[in-house]
């Protein structure tokens, strides 16, 4: 018999629609499964349950009852949200451990989105709260540098995001008449998919007849609609397809069916190591 350790997490939305932030939390809970119980505080959830030993509490009201199961650690995933910052202050006032994972939200391009609001937030509470946490989790040297440039002095733990290699069987290569370029990520303006479509439109007719571009992922519907309209504007419906979100075995199958992986971004790659490992195991060129 062993004691179970309770760990609290805060994520703005506990849903696959949150992209990398959600999937990182999912990987973390899988890694910390035996002997741990995870308590999720969130503004909203799409009803995901039974994935791990966990409890989910949705809504700001739970900030005032966050001592449920008496967790000694709070792990914040993401930045800016008032509910997460309130929980940070509450845990620090009771001398408990607080870990913050910015998930790339302190990178220059991310800070340029709603710039004024974020500068005000940094001045009023975010910078002070970051300097009051116990440790900041960074996934790359670049992310660590960006955190330090903001004047954050707390210890940084640089731990790249890992993957379970057993979930990625070796690719079986085969000759195909038409080659495929794959983009697989969250659909968001920071990803620069509009740039990729513009570049695709500049290819000559012979290349377009031998290659196709497959876009996998979910995200902002307004941005997705704009991308779909751009494809129609360029008359590229025959060579560009949107297949929606893929995960699990379907994700591996999607990797295996492609020949080249395309990664475009307006920001910096805070989690590029894990994606590079995925592609290397899956047998794709990056």
C-alpha atoms as a PDB file:
ATOM      1  CA  UNK A   1       0.000   0.000   0.000  1.00  0.00           C
ATOM      2  CA  UNK A   2       1.314   3.503  -0.864  1.00  0.00           C
ATOM      3  CA  UNK A   3       0.122   7.061  -0.371  1.00  0.00           C
ATOM      4  CA  UNK A   4      -1.313   8.994  -3.303  1.00  0.00           C
ATOM      5  CA  UNK A   5       0.103  12.454  -3.949  1.00  0.00           C
ATOM      6  CA  UNK A   6      -2.388  15.069  -5.145  1.00  0.00           C
ATOM      7  CA  UNK A   7      -1.229  17.603  -7.753  1.00  0.00           C
ATOM      8  CA  UNK A   8      -3.304  20.565  -8.944  1.00  0.00           C
ATOM      9  CA  UNK A   9      -3.150  21.831 -12.525  1.00  0.00           C
ATOM     10  CA  UNK A  10      -4.669  24.926 -14.061  1.00  0.00           C
ATOM     11  CA  UNK A  11      -5.364  25.112 -17.794  1.00  0.00           C
ATOM     12  CA  UNK A  12      -7.661  27.741 -19.308  1.00  0.00           C
ATOM     13  CA  UNK A  13      -9.699  25.218 -21.316  1.00  0.00           C
ATOM     14  CA  UNK A  14      -9.388  21.475 -20.688  1.00  0.00           C
ATOM     15  CA  UNK A  15     -10.003  20.438 -24.274  1.00  0.00           C
ATOM     16  CA  UNK A  16      -8.148  19.167 -27.324  1.00  0.00           C
ATOM     17  CA  UNK A  17      -8.943  22.530 -28.915  1.00  0.00           C
ATOM     18  CA  UNK A  18      -6.214  24.043 -26.709  1.00  0.00           C
ATOM     19  CA  UNK A  19      -3.663  22.217 -28.845  1.00  0.00           C
ATOM     20  CA  UNK A  20      -0.149  21.682 -27.500  1.00  0.00           C
ATOM     21  CA  UNK A  21      -0.934  22.937 -24.005  1.00  0.00           C
ATOM     22  CA  UNK A  22      -3.619  20.297 -23.510  1.00  0.00           C
ATOM     23  CA  UNK A  23      -1.573  17.488 -25.054  1.00  0.00           C
ATOM     24  CA  UNK A  24       1.438  18.362 -22.895  1.00  0.00           C
ATOM     25  CA  UNK A  25      -0.742  18.113 -19.789  1.00  0.00           C
ATOM     26  CA  UNK A  26      -2.110  14.801 -21.050  1.00  0.00           C
ATOM     27  CA  UNK A  27       1.452  13.442 -21.539  1.00  0.00           C
ATOM     28  CA  UNK A  28       2.471  14.722 -18.104  1.00  0.00           C
ATOM     29  CA  UNK A  29      -0.455  13.017 -16.374  1.00  0.00           C
ATOM     30  CA  UNK A  30       0.298   9.788 -18.205  1.00  0.00           C
ATOM     31  CA  UNK A  31       3.903   9.951 -16.990  1.00  0.00           C
ATOM     32  CA  UNK A  32       2.775  10.699 -13.430  1.00  0.00           C
ATOM     33  CA  UNK A  33       0.079   8.068 -13.153  1.00  0.00           C
ATOM     34  CA  UNK A  34       1.141   5.588 -10.469  1.00  0.00           C
ATOM     35  CA  UNK A  35       0.790   7.114  -7.028  1.00  0.00           C
ATOM     36  CA  UNK A  36      -0.524  10.473  -8.220  1.00  0.00           C
ATOM     37  CA  UNK A  37      -3.999  11.987  -8.449  1.00  0.00           C
ATOM     38  CA  UNK A  38      -4.424  15.028 -10.695  1.00  0.00           C
ATOM     39  CA  UNK A  39      -6.869  17.815  -9.877  1.00  0.00           C
ATOM     40  CA  UNK A  40      -7.726  19.951 -12.917  1.00  0.00           C
ATOM     41  CA  UNK A  41      -8.955  23.510 -12.400  1.00  0.00           C
ATOM     42  CA  UNK A  42     -10.216  25.087 -15.615  1.00  0.00           C
ATOM     43  CA  UNK A  43     -12.596  27.707 -16.948  1.00  0.00           C
ATOM     44  CA  UNK A  44     -14.222  25.247 -19.327  1.00  0.00           C
ATOM     45  CA  UNK A  45     -14.014  21.593 -20.307  1.00  0.00           C
ATOM     46  CA  UNK A  46     -15.494  19.538 -23.121  1.00  0.00           C
ATOM     47  CA  UNK A  47     -16.216  16.639 -20.781  1.00  0.00           C
ATOM     48  CA  UNK A  48     -13.038  14.577 -21.154  1.00  0.00           C
ATOM     49  CA  UNK A  49     -12.975  12.118 -18.260  1.00  0.00           C
ATOM     50  CA  UNK A  50     -11.534   8.755 -17.328  1.00  0.00           C
ATOM     51  CA  UNK A  51      -8.215   9.385 -19.046  1.00  0.00           C
ATOM     52  CA  UNK A  52      -6.162   9.270 -15.848  1.00  0.00           C
ATOM     53  CA  UNK A  53      -6.624   9.345 -12.084  1.00  0.00           C
ATOM     54  CA  UNK A  54      -8.042  12.856 -12.026  1.00  0.00           C
ATOM     55  CA  UNK A  55     -10.812  15.167 -10.882  1.00  0.00           C
ATOM     56  CA  UNK A  56     -12.028  18.148 -12.943  1.00  0.00           C
ATOM     57  CA  UNK A  57     -13.426  21.375 -11.488  1.00  0.00           C
ATOM     58  CA  UNK A  58     -14.686  23.861 -14.053  1.00  0.00           C
ATOM     59  CA  UNK A  59     -15.459  27.485 -13.190  1.00  0.00           C
ATOM     60  CA  UNK A  60     -14.000  30.449 -11.302  1.00  0.00           C
ATOM     61  CA  UNK A  61     -15.930  29.518  -8.148  1.00  0.00           C
ATOM     62  CA  UNK A  62     -13.494  26.661  -7.530  1.00  0.00           C
ATOM     63  CA  UNK A  63     -10.699  29.190  -6.955  1.00  0.00           C
ATOM     64  CA  UNK A  64     -12.232  29.623  -3.512  1.00  0.00           C
ATOM     65  CA  UNK A  65     -12.409  25.876  -2.835  1.00  0.00           C
ATOM     66  CA  UNK A  66      -9.123  24.872  -4.474  1.00  0.00           C
ATOM     67  CA  UNK A  67      -7.974  23.060  -1.324  1.00  0.00           C
ATOM     68  CA  UNK A  68     -10.027  20.061  -2.452  1.00  0.00           C
ATOM     69  CA  UNK A  69      -7.964  16.926  -1.670  1.00  0.00           C
ATOM     70  CA  UNK A  70      -5.280  19.216  -0.129  1.00  0.00           C
ATOM     71  CA  UNK A  71      -2.756  19.308  -3.006  1.00  0.00           C
ATOM     72  CA  UNK A  72       0.762  20.505  -2.133  1.00  0.00           C
ATOM     73  CA  UNK A  73       1.708  21.456  -5.715  1.00  0.00           C
ATOM     74  CA  UNK A  74       0.068  23.710  -8.311  1.00  0.00           C
ATOM     75  CA  UNK A  75       1.187  23.529 -11.947  1.00  0.00           C
ATOM     76  CA  UNK A  76      -0.027  26.425 -14.113  1.00  0.00           C
ATOM     77  CA  UNK A  77      -0.205  25.797 -17.860  1.00  0.00           C
ATOM     78  CA  UNK A  78      -0.199  29.010 -19.873  1.00  0.00           C
ATOM     79  CA  UNK A  79      -0.198  32.715 -19.065  1.00  0.00           C
ATOM     80  CA  UNK A  80      -2.366  35.791 -18.592  1.00  0.00           C
ATOM     81  CA  UNK A  81      -5.543  34.179 -17.282  1.00  0.00           C
ATOM     82  CA  UNK A  82      -6.845  35.791 -14.070  1.00  0.00           C
ATOM     83  CA  UNK A  83      -8.145  32.496 -12.647  1.00  0.00           C
ATOM     84  CA  UNK A  84      -4.705  30.905 -12.967  1.00  0.00           C
ATOM     85  CA  UNK A  85      -2.990  33.912 -11.398  1.00  0.00           C
ATOM     86  CA  UNK A  86      -5.498  33.938  -8.528  1.00  0.00           C
ATOM     87  CA  UNK A  87      -4.691  30.281  -7.830  1.00  0.00           C
ATOM     88  CA  UNK A  88      -0.963  31.078  -7.944  1.00  0.00           C
ATOM     89  CA  UNK A  89      -1.350  33.745  -5.269  1.00  0.00           C
ATOM     90  CA  UNK A  90      -3.522  31.499  -3.118  1.00  0.00           C
ATOM     91  CA  UNK A  91      -1.017  28.648  -3.188  1.00  0.00           C
ATOM     92  CA  UNK A  92       1.960  30.909  -2.478  1.00  0.00           C
ATOM     93  CA  UNK A  93       0.172  32.546   0.455  1.00  0.00           C
ATOM     94  CA  UNK A  94      -0.194  29.078   1.990  1.00  0.00           C
ATOM     95  CA  UNK A  95       3.508  28.339   1.268  1.00  0.00           C
ATOM     96  CA  UNK A  96       2.888  25.600  -1.260  1.00  0.00           C
ATOM     97  CA  UNK A  97       4.877  24.826  -4.424  1.00  0.00           C
ATOM     98  CA  UNK A  98       3.935  26.544  -7.690  1.00  0.00           C
ATOM     99  CA  UNK A  99       5.303  25.546 -11.117  1.00  0.00           C
ATOM    100  CA  UNK A 100       4.559  27.629 -14.224  1.00  0.00           C
ATOM    101  CA  UNK A 101       4.805  26.365 -17.816  1.00  0.00           C
ATOM    102  CA  UNK A 102       4.421  29.391 -20.177  1.00  0.00           C
ATOM    103  CA  UNK A 103       4.091  27.122 -23.242  1.00  0.00           C
ATOM    104  CA  UNK A 104       5.665  29.692 -25.541  1.00  0.00           C
ATOM    105  CA  UNK A 105       3.325  32.492 -24.457  1.00  0.00           C
ATOM    106  CA  UNK A 106       6.260  34.744 -23.476  1.00  0.00           C
ATOM    107  CA  UNK A 107       7.902  34.545 -26.902  1.00  0.00           C
ATOM    108  CA  UNK A 108       8.134  37.838 -28.859  1.00  0.00           C
ATOM    109  CA  UNK A 109       5.482  37.025 -31.459  1.00  0.00           C
ATOM    110  CA  UNK A 110       3.033  35.803 -28.815  1.00  0.00           C
ATOM    111  CA  UNK A 111       3.602  39.017 -26.871  1.00  0.00           C
ATOM    112  CA  UNK A 112       2.907  41.065 -30.019  1.00  0.00           C
ATOM    113  CA  UNK A 113      -0.669  39.697 -30.145  1.00  0.00           C
ATOM    114  CA  UNK A 114      -2.911  41.975 -28.012  1.00  0.00           C
ATOM    115  CA  UNK A 115       0.344  43.715 -27.129  1.00  0.00           C
ATOM    116  CA  UNK A 116      -1.092  46.542 -25.022  1.00  0.00           C
ATOM    117  CA  UNK A 117      -3.208  44.203 -22.871  1.00  0.00           C
ATOM    118  CA  UNK A 118      -0.248  41.918 -22.232  1.00  0.00           C
ATOM    119  CA  UNK A 119       2.082  44.805 -21.363  1.00  0.00           C
ATOM    120  CA  UNK A 120      -0.489  46.049 -18.854  1.00  0.00           C
ATOM    121  CA  UNK A 121      -0.890  42.537 -17.435  1.00  0.00           C
ATOM    122  CA  UNK A 122       2.894  42.138 -17.107  1.00  0.00           C
ATOM    123  CA  UNK A 123       3.098  45.439 -15.255  1.00  0.00           C
ATOM    124  CA  UNK A 124       0.112  44.861 -12.948  1.00  0.00           C
ATOM    125  CA  UNK A 125       0.460  41.197 -11.958  1.00  0.00           C
ATOM    126  CA  UNK A 126       2.006  38.707 -14.382  1.00  0.00           C
ATOM    127  CA  UNK A 127       5.693  39.572 -13.961  1.00  0.00           C
ATOM    128  CA  UNK A 128       5.355  39.798 -10.168  1.00  0.00           C
ATOM    129  CA  UNK A 129       3.544  36.470 -10.013  1.00  0.00           C
ATOM    130  CA  UNK A 130       6.175  34.767 -12.179  1.00  0.00           C
ATOM    131  CA  UNK A 131       8.854  36.073  -9.839  1.00  0.00           C
ATOM    132  CA  UNK A 132       6.922  34.609  -6.902  1.00  0.00           C
ATOM    133  CA  UNK A 133       6.584  31.062  -8.253  1.00  0.00           C
ATOM    134  CA  UNK A 134       9.050  28.330  -7.299  1.00  0.00           C
ATOM    135  CA  UNK A 135      10.178  27.265 -10.753  1.00  0.00           C
ATOM    136  CA  UNK A 136       9.391  28.018 -14.394  1.00  0.00           C
ATOM    137  CA  UNK A 137       9.301  25.133 -16.863  1.00  0.00           C
ATOM    138  CA  UNK A 138      10.886  25.914 -20.225  1.00  0.00           C
ATOM    139  CA  UNK A 139      11.078  23.497 -23.164  1.00  0.00           C
ATOM    140  CA  UNK A 140      13.974  25.064 -25.096  1.00  0.00           C
ATOM    141  CA  UNK A 141      17.012  27.319 -24.719  1.00  0.00           C
ATOM    142  CA  UNK A 142      15.240  29.954 -26.820  1.00  0.00           C
ATOM    143  CA  UNK A 143      12.209  29.983 -24.541  1.00  0.00           C
ATOM    144  CA  UNK A 144      14.489  30.307 -21.491  1.00  0.00           C
ATOM    145  CA  UNK A 145      16.225  33.304 -23.071  1.00  0.00           C
ATOM    146  CA  UNK A 146      12.903  34.991 -23.843  1.00  0.00           C
ATOM    147  CA  UNK A 147      11.793  34.530 -20.215  1.00  0.00           C
ATOM    148  CA  UNK A 148      15.019  36.083 -18.889  1.00  0.00           C
ATOM    149  CA  UNK A 149      14.709  39.065 -21.267  1.00  0.00           C
ATOM    150  CA  UNK A 150      11.488  40.023 -19.466  1.00  0.00           C
ATOM    151  CA  UNK A 151      13.328  40.332 -16.170  1.00  0.00           C
ATOM    152  CA  UNK A 152      12.098  37.053 -14.681  1.00  0.00           C
ATOM    153  CA  UNK A 153      14.662  35.862 -12.124  1.00  0.00           C
ATOM    154  CA  UNK A 154      13.126  32.674 -10.740  1.00  0.00           C
ATOM    155  CA  UNK A 155      14.819  29.307 -11.458  1.00  0.00           C
ATOM    156  CA  UNK A 156      14.115  27.823 -14.880  1.00  0.00           C
ATOM    157  CA  UNK A 157      13.929  24.061 -15.438  1.00  0.00           C
ATOM    158  CA  UNK A 158      14.698  23.383 -19.097  1.00  0.00           C
ATOM    159  CA  UNK A 159      12.897  20.112 -19.854  1.00  0.00           C
ATOM    160  CA  UNK A 160      11.989  19.387 -23.499  1.00  0.00           C
ATOM    161  CA  UNK A 161       8.666  17.704 -24.174  1.00  0.00           C
ATOM    162  CA  UNK A 162       9.078  13.974 -24.691  1.00  0.00           C
ATOM    163  CA  UNK A 163       7.019  11.338 -26.446  1.00  0.00           C
ATOM    164  CA  UNK A 164       6.346   7.646 -25.977  1.00  0.00           C
ATOM    165  CA  UNK A 165       8.340   5.989 -28.762  1.00  0.00           C
ATOM    166  CA  UNK A 166       6.255   2.800 -28.446  1.00  0.00           C
ATOM    167  CA  UNK A 167       3.325   4.710 -29.946  1.00  0.00           C
ATOM    168  CA  UNK A 168       5.253   5.248 -33.196  1.00  0.00           C
ATOM    169  CA  UNK A 169       5.888   2.045 -35.177  1.00  0.00           C
ATOM    170  CA  UNK A 170       8.453   2.180 -37.973  1.00  0.00           C
ATOM    171  CA  UNK A 171       7.273   3.492 -41.305  1.00  0.00           C
ATOM    172  CA  UNK A 172       7.021   1.124 -44.261  1.00  0.00           C
ATOM    173  CA  UNK A 173       8.286   3.008 -47.284  1.00  0.00           C
ATOM    174  CA  UNK A 174       6.608   2.454 -50.632  1.00  0.00           C
ATOM    175  CA  UNK A 175       6.686   4.080 -54.049  1.00  0.00           C
ATOM    176  CA  UNK A 176       3.833   6.450 -54.802  1.00  0.00           C
ATOM    177  CA  UNK A 177       2.905   8.363 -57.929  1.00  0.00           C
ATOM    178  CA  UNK A 178       1.932  11.422 -55.928  1.00  0.00           C
ATOM    179  CA  UNK A 179       4.012  12.668 -53.007  1.00  0.00           C
ATOM    180  CA  UNK A 180       2.494  14.328 -49.950  1.00  0.00           C
ATOM    181  CA  UNK A 181       3.558  17.294 -47.800  1.00  0.00           C
ATOM    182  CA  UNK A 182       1.978  17.246 -44.347  1.00  0.00           C
ATOM    183  CA  UNK A 183       1.204  20.077 -41.956  1.00  0.00           C
ATOM    184  CA  UNK A 184      -0.060  18.797 -38.593  1.00  0.00           C
ATOM    185  CA  UNK A 185      -0.661  21.245 -35.782  1.00  0.00           C
ATOM    186  CA  UNK A 186      -3.241  23.528 -34.197  1.00  0.00           C
ATOM    187  CA  UNK A 187      -4.909  25.850 -36.718  1.00  0.00           C
ATOM    188  CA  UNK A 188      -3.922  29.300 -35.457  1.00  0.00           C
ATOM    189  CA  UNK A 189      -2.553  32.493 -37.096  1.00  0.00           C
ATOM    190  CA  UNK A 190       0.780  32.089 -35.270  1.00  0.00           C
ATOM    191  CA  UNK A 191       1.365  28.874 -37.228  1.00  0.00           C
ATOM    192  CA  UNK A 192       1.583  30.809 -40.506  1.00  0.00           C
ATOM    193  CA  UNK A 193      -0.500  28.447 -42.624  1.00  0.00           C
ATOM    194  CA  UNK A 194      -1.509  31.355 -44.859  1.00  0.00           C
ATOM    195  CA  UNK A 195       2.198  31.764 -45.694  1.00  0.00           C
ATOM    196  CA  UNK A 196       2.450  28.070 -46.588  1.00  0.00           C
ATOM    197  CA  UNK A 197      -0.581  28.325 -48.906  1.00  0.00           C
ATOM    198  CA  UNK A 198       0.906  31.409 -50.604  1.00  0.00           C
ATOM    199  CA  UNK A 199       4.150  29.494 -51.174  1.00  0.00           C
ATOM    200  CA  UNK A 200       2.236  26.476 -52.471  1.00  0.00           C
ATOM    201  CA  UNK A 201       0.443  28.697 -54.982  1.00  0.00           C
ATOM    202  CA  UNK A 202       3.818  29.821 -56.389  1.00  0.00           C
ATOM    203  CA  UNK A 203       4.764  26.260 -57.432  1.00  0.00           C
ATOM    204  CA  UNK A 204       4.697  25.372 -61.123  1.00  0.00           C
ATOM    205  CA  UNK A 205       1.961  23.185 -62.600  1.00  0.00           C
ATOM    206  CA  UNK A 206       4.232  20.143 -62.986  1.00  0.00           C
ATOM    207  CA  UNK A 207       5.149  20.169 -59.282  1.00  0.00           C
ATOM    208  CA  UNK A 208       1.518  20.615 -58.259  1.00  0.00           C
ATOM    209  CA  UNK A 209       0.543  17.594 -60.343  1.00  0.00           C
ATOM    210  CA  UNK A 210       3.047  15.392 -58.471  1.00  0.00           C
ATOM    211  CA  UNK A 211       2.609  16.731 -54.951  1.00  0.00           C
ATOM    212  CA  UNK A 212      -0.301  17.422 -52.599  1.00  0.00           C
ATOM    213  CA  UNK A 213      -0.501  19.326 -49.316  1.00  0.00           C
ATOM    214  CA  UNK A 214      -2.473  17.806 -46.445  1.00  0.00           C
ATOM    215  CA  UNK A 215      -3.386  20.037 -43.495  1.00  0.00           C
ATOM    216  CA  UNK A 216      -4.329  18.266 -40.257  1.00  0.00           C
ATOM    217  CA  UNK A 217      -5.526  19.993 -37.105  1.00  0.00           C
ATOM    218  CA  UNK A 218      -8.323  21.933 -35.474  1.00  0.00           C
ATOM    219  CA  UNK A 219      -8.504  25.408 -34.019  1.00  0.00           C
ATOM    220  CA  UNK A 220      -9.862  28.866 -34.754  1.00  0.00           C
ATOM    221  CA  UNK A 221     -12.825  28.547 -37.107  1.00  0.00           C
ATOM    222  CA  UNK A 222     -12.476  32.106 -38.440  1.00  0.00           C
ATOM    223  CA  UNK A 223      -8.848  31.480 -39.413  1.00  0.00           C
ATOM    224  CA  UNK A 224      -9.729  28.096 -40.916  1.00  0.00           C
ATOM    225  CA  UNK A 225     -12.462  29.757 -42.992  1.00  0.00           C
ATOM    226  CA  UNK A 226      -9.964  32.358 -44.227  1.00  0.00           C
ATOM    227  CA  UNK A 227      -7.517  29.600 -45.220  1.00  0.00           C
ATOM    228  CA  UNK A 228     -10.238  27.686 -47.064  1.00  0.00           C
ATOM    229  CA  UNK A 229     -11.174  30.855 -48.956  1.00  0.00           C
ATOM    230  CA  UNK A 230      -7.513  31.427 -49.865  1.00  0.00           C
ATOM    231  CA  UNK A 231      -7.262  27.886 -51.285  1.00  0.00           C
ATOM    232  CA  UNK A 232     -10.350  28.530 -53.425  1.00  0.00           C
ATOM    233  CA  UNK A 233      -8.978  31.912 -54.503  1.00  0.00           C
ATOM    234  CA  UNK A 234      -5.820  30.208 -55.792  1.00  0.00           C
ATOM    235  CA  UNK A 235      -7.894  27.337 -57.253  1.00  0.00           C
ATOM    236  CA  UNK A 236      -5.823  24.807 -55.316  1.00  0.00           C
ATOM    237  CA  UNK A 237      -8.651  22.537 -54.114  1.00  0.00           C
ATOM    238  CA  UNK A 238      -7.171  19.617 -56.090  1.00  0.00           C
ATOM    239  CA  UNK A 239      -3.812  19.750 -54.307  1.00  0.00           C
ATOM    240  CA  UNK A 240      -4.644  21.079 -50.797  1.00  0.00           C
ATOM    241  CA  UNK A 241      -6.940  19.213 -48.412  1.00  0.00           C
ATOM    242  CA  UNK A 242      -8.011  19.853 -44.804  1.00  0.00           C
ATOM    243  CA  UNK A 243      -8.549  16.618 -42.860  1.00  0.00           C
ATOM    244  CA  UNK A 244      -9.286  17.976 -39.377  1.00  0.00           C
ATOM    245  CA  UNK A 245      -7.821  16.804 -36.093  1.00  0.00           C
ATOM    246  CA  UNK A 246      -6.011  13.466 -35.920  1.00  0.00           C
ATOM    247  CA  UNK A 247      -4.666  11.700 -32.829  1.00  0.00           C
ATOM    248  CA  UNK A 248      -3.531   8.297 -31.613  1.00  0.00           C
ATOM    249  CA  UNK A 249      -3.117   5.613 -34.306  1.00  0.00           C
ATOM    250  CA  UNK A 250      -4.696   7.921 -36.899  1.00  0.00           C
ATOM    251  CA  UNK A 251      -1.952  10.493 -36.259  1.00  0.00           C
ATOM    252  CA  UNK A 252       0.758   7.878 -36.813  1.00  0.00           C
ATOM    253  CA  UNK A 253      -1.000   6.725 -39.986  1.00  0.00           C
ATOM    254  CA  UNK A 254      -1.094  10.324 -41.209  1.00  0.00           C
ATOM    255  CA  UNK A 255       2.642  10.724 -40.574  1.00  0.00           C
ATOM    256  CA  UNK A 256       3.380   7.466 -42.399  1.00  0.00           C
ATOM    257  CA  UNK A 257       1.311   8.406 -45.446  1.00  0.00           C
ATOM    258  CA  UNK A 258       3.268  11.638 -45.974  1.00  0.00           C
ATOM    259  CA  UNK A 259       6.724  12.203 -47.452  1.00  0.00           C
ATOM    260  CA  UNK A 260       7.721  15.615 -46.088  1.00  0.00           C
ATOM    261  CA  UNK A 261       6.581  17.489 -43.006  1.00  0.00           C
ATOM    262  CA  UNK A 262       6.196  21.260 -43.298  1.00  0.00           C
ATOM    263  CA  UNK A 263       6.579  23.446 -40.218  1.00  0.00           C
ATOM    264  CA  UNK A 264       5.962  27.148 -40.728  1.00  0.00           C
ATOM    265  CA  UNK A 265       5.502  29.627 -37.904  1.00  0.00           C
ATOM    266  CA  UNK A 266       5.448  33.347 -37.230  1.00  0.00           C
ATOM    267  CA  UNK A 267       6.770  32.657 -33.759  1.00  0.00           C
ATOM    268  CA  UNK A 268       9.569  30.556 -32.300  1.00  0.00           C
ATOM    269  CA  UNK A 269       9.374  26.798 -31.921  1.00  0.00           C
ATOM    270  CA  UNK A 270       8.990  26.274 -28.166  1.00  0.00           C
ATOM    271  CA  UNK A 271       8.213  22.564 -28.608  1.00  0.00           C
ATOM    272  CA  UNK A 272      10.047  21.741 -31.840  1.00  0.00           C
ATOM    273  CA  UNK A 273      12.151  18.999 -30.241  1.00  0.00           C
ATOM    274  CA  UNK A 274       9.186  16.753 -29.510  1.00  0.00           C
ATOM    275  CA  UNK A 275       7.797  17.224 -33.039  1.00  0.00           C
ATOM    276  CA  UNK A 276      11.241  16.517 -34.547  1.00  0.00           C
ATOM    277  CA  UNK A 277      11.466  13.279 -32.556  1.00  0.00           C
ATOM    278  CA  UNK A 278       7.967  12.283 -33.690  1.00  0.00           C
ATOM    279  CA  UNK A 279       8.906  12.837 -37.310  1.00  0.00           C
ATOM    280  CA  UNK A 280      12.245  11.055 -37.028  1.00  0.00           C
ATOM    281  CA  UNK A 281      10.597   7.970 -35.562  1.00  0.00           C
ATOM    282  CA  UNK A 282       7.753   8.141 -38.082  1.00  0.00           C
ATOM    283  CA  UNK A 283      10.253   8.278 -40.958  1.00  0.00           C
ATOM    284  CA  UNK A 284       9.471  11.770 -42.279  1.00  0.00           C
ATOM    285  CA  UNK A 285      11.750  14.473 -43.649  1.00  0.00           C
ATOM    286  CA  UNK A 286      11.483  17.741 -41.749  1.00  0.00           C
END
